[in-house]
């Protein structure tokens, strides 16, 4: 029996925090792109149903954006008295 490996979309990989983050703001702040751009990239398909995804460079930038956001949240939490 052939094993078929399903490619996980970025959206699926971010499932734990998906509803906690404004992806539209992430798209604008870190990529200067529209909200639809990041949603299509996260889903792995464009508006016409064509398979698309983050390029390796975009994925690295996205990872950096998430690290930056996490650090900003941590600093905000640390500042609470």
Protein backbone atom coordinates (compact mmCIF):
# COMPACT_ATOMS: atom_id res chain seq x y z
CA UNK A 1 0.00 0.00 0.00
CA UNK A 2 1.38 3.38 -1.02
CA UNK A 3 1.73 5.94 1.74
CA UNK A 4 0.57 9.37 0.69
CA UNK A 5 2.08 12.21 2.65
CA UNK A 6 -0.20 15.21 3.00
CA UNK A 7 1.45 18.58 2.93
CA UNK A 8 0.47 20.61 5.97
CA UNK A 9 -0.59 24.13 5.16
CA UNK A 10 0.88 26.96 7.16
CA UNK A 11 -2.64 27.61 8.44
CA UNK A 12 -2.81 24.07 9.84
CA UNK A 13 0.63 24.42 11.42
CA UNK A 14 -0.51 27.63 13.16
CA UNK A 15 -3.81 26.16 14.29
CA UNK A 16 -3.06 26.71 17.99
CA UNK A 17 -2.79 30.51 17.59
CA UNK A 18 -4.75 31.03 14.39
CA UNK A 19 -7.65 32.90 15.99
CA UNK A 20 -5.46 34.82 18.45
CA UNK A 21 -3.52 36.87 15.90
CA UNK A 22 -4.60 39.55 13.45
CA UNK A 23 -3.05 38.09 10.32
CA UNK A 24 -4.19 41.13 8.34
CA UNK A 25 -2.01 43.31 10.56
CA UNK A 26 0.90 40.86 10.31
CA UNK A 27 0.55 40.95 6.52
CA UNK A 28 0.62 44.75 6.43
CA UNK A 29 3.29 45.36 9.09
CA UNK A 30 5.83 42.74 8.09
CA UNK A 31 5.16 42.28 4.36
CA UNK A 32 3.33 45.47 3.32
CA UNK A 33 0.76 43.22 1.64
CA UNK A 34 -3.01 42.90 1.73
CA UNK A 35 -4.82 40.60 4.16
CA UNK A 36 -5.91 38.33 1.30
CA UNK A 37 -2.27 37.82 0.33
CA UNK A 38 -1.33 36.24 3.66
CA UNK A 39 -4.53 34.20 3.90
CA UNK A 40 -3.92 32.72 0.44
CA UNK A 41 -0.30 31.97 1.31
CA UNK A 42 -1.33 30.33 4.59
CA UNK A 43 -3.95 28.21 2.83
CA UNK A 44 -1.55 27.23 0.06
CA UNK A 45 -3.97 28.23 -2.71
CA UNK A 46 -4.71 31.49 -4.45
CA UNK A 47 -8.09 33.01 -5.25
CA UNK A 48 -8.29 30.96 -8.45
CA UNK A 49 -7.58 27.65 -6.74
CA UNK A 50 -3.97 27.48 -7.96
CA UNK A 51 -1.46 26.05 -5.51
CA UNK A 52 0.73 28.75 -4.05
CA UNK A 53 2.64 29.07 -0.87
CA UNK A 54 5.34 31.04 0.79
CA UNK A 55 8.65 31.11 -1.04
CA UNK A 56 11.58 30.00 1.13
CA UNK A 57 12.50 33.66 1.67
CA UNK A 58 8.91 34.63 2.55
CA UNK A 59 8.66 31.70 4.93
CA UNK A 60 11.85 32.82 6.69
CA UNK A 61 10.46 36.39 6.91
CA UNK A 62 7.17 35.01 8.26
CA UNK A 63 9.05 32.99 10.88
CA UNK A 64 10.93 36.16 11.87
CA UNK A 65 7.67 38.11 12.10
CA UNK A 66 6.24 35.50 14.47
CA UNK A 67 9.40 35.59 16.61
CA UNK A 68 9.21 39.39 16.70
CA UNK A 69 5.55 39.32 17.68
CA UNK A 70 6.22 36.72 20.38
CA UNK A 71 9.05 38.85 21.79
CA UNK A 72 6.86 41.96 21.82
CA UNK A 73 4.14 40.06 23.68
CA UNK A 74 6.68 38.72 26.18
CA UNK A 75 8.08 42.21 26.81
CA UNK A 76 4.57 43.56 27.31
CA UNK A 77 3.79 40.78 29.78
CA UNK A 78 7.03 41.44 31.66
CA UNK A 79 6.20 45.14 31.97
CA UNK A 80 2.95 44.46 33.84
CA UNK A 81 3.19 45.36 37.50
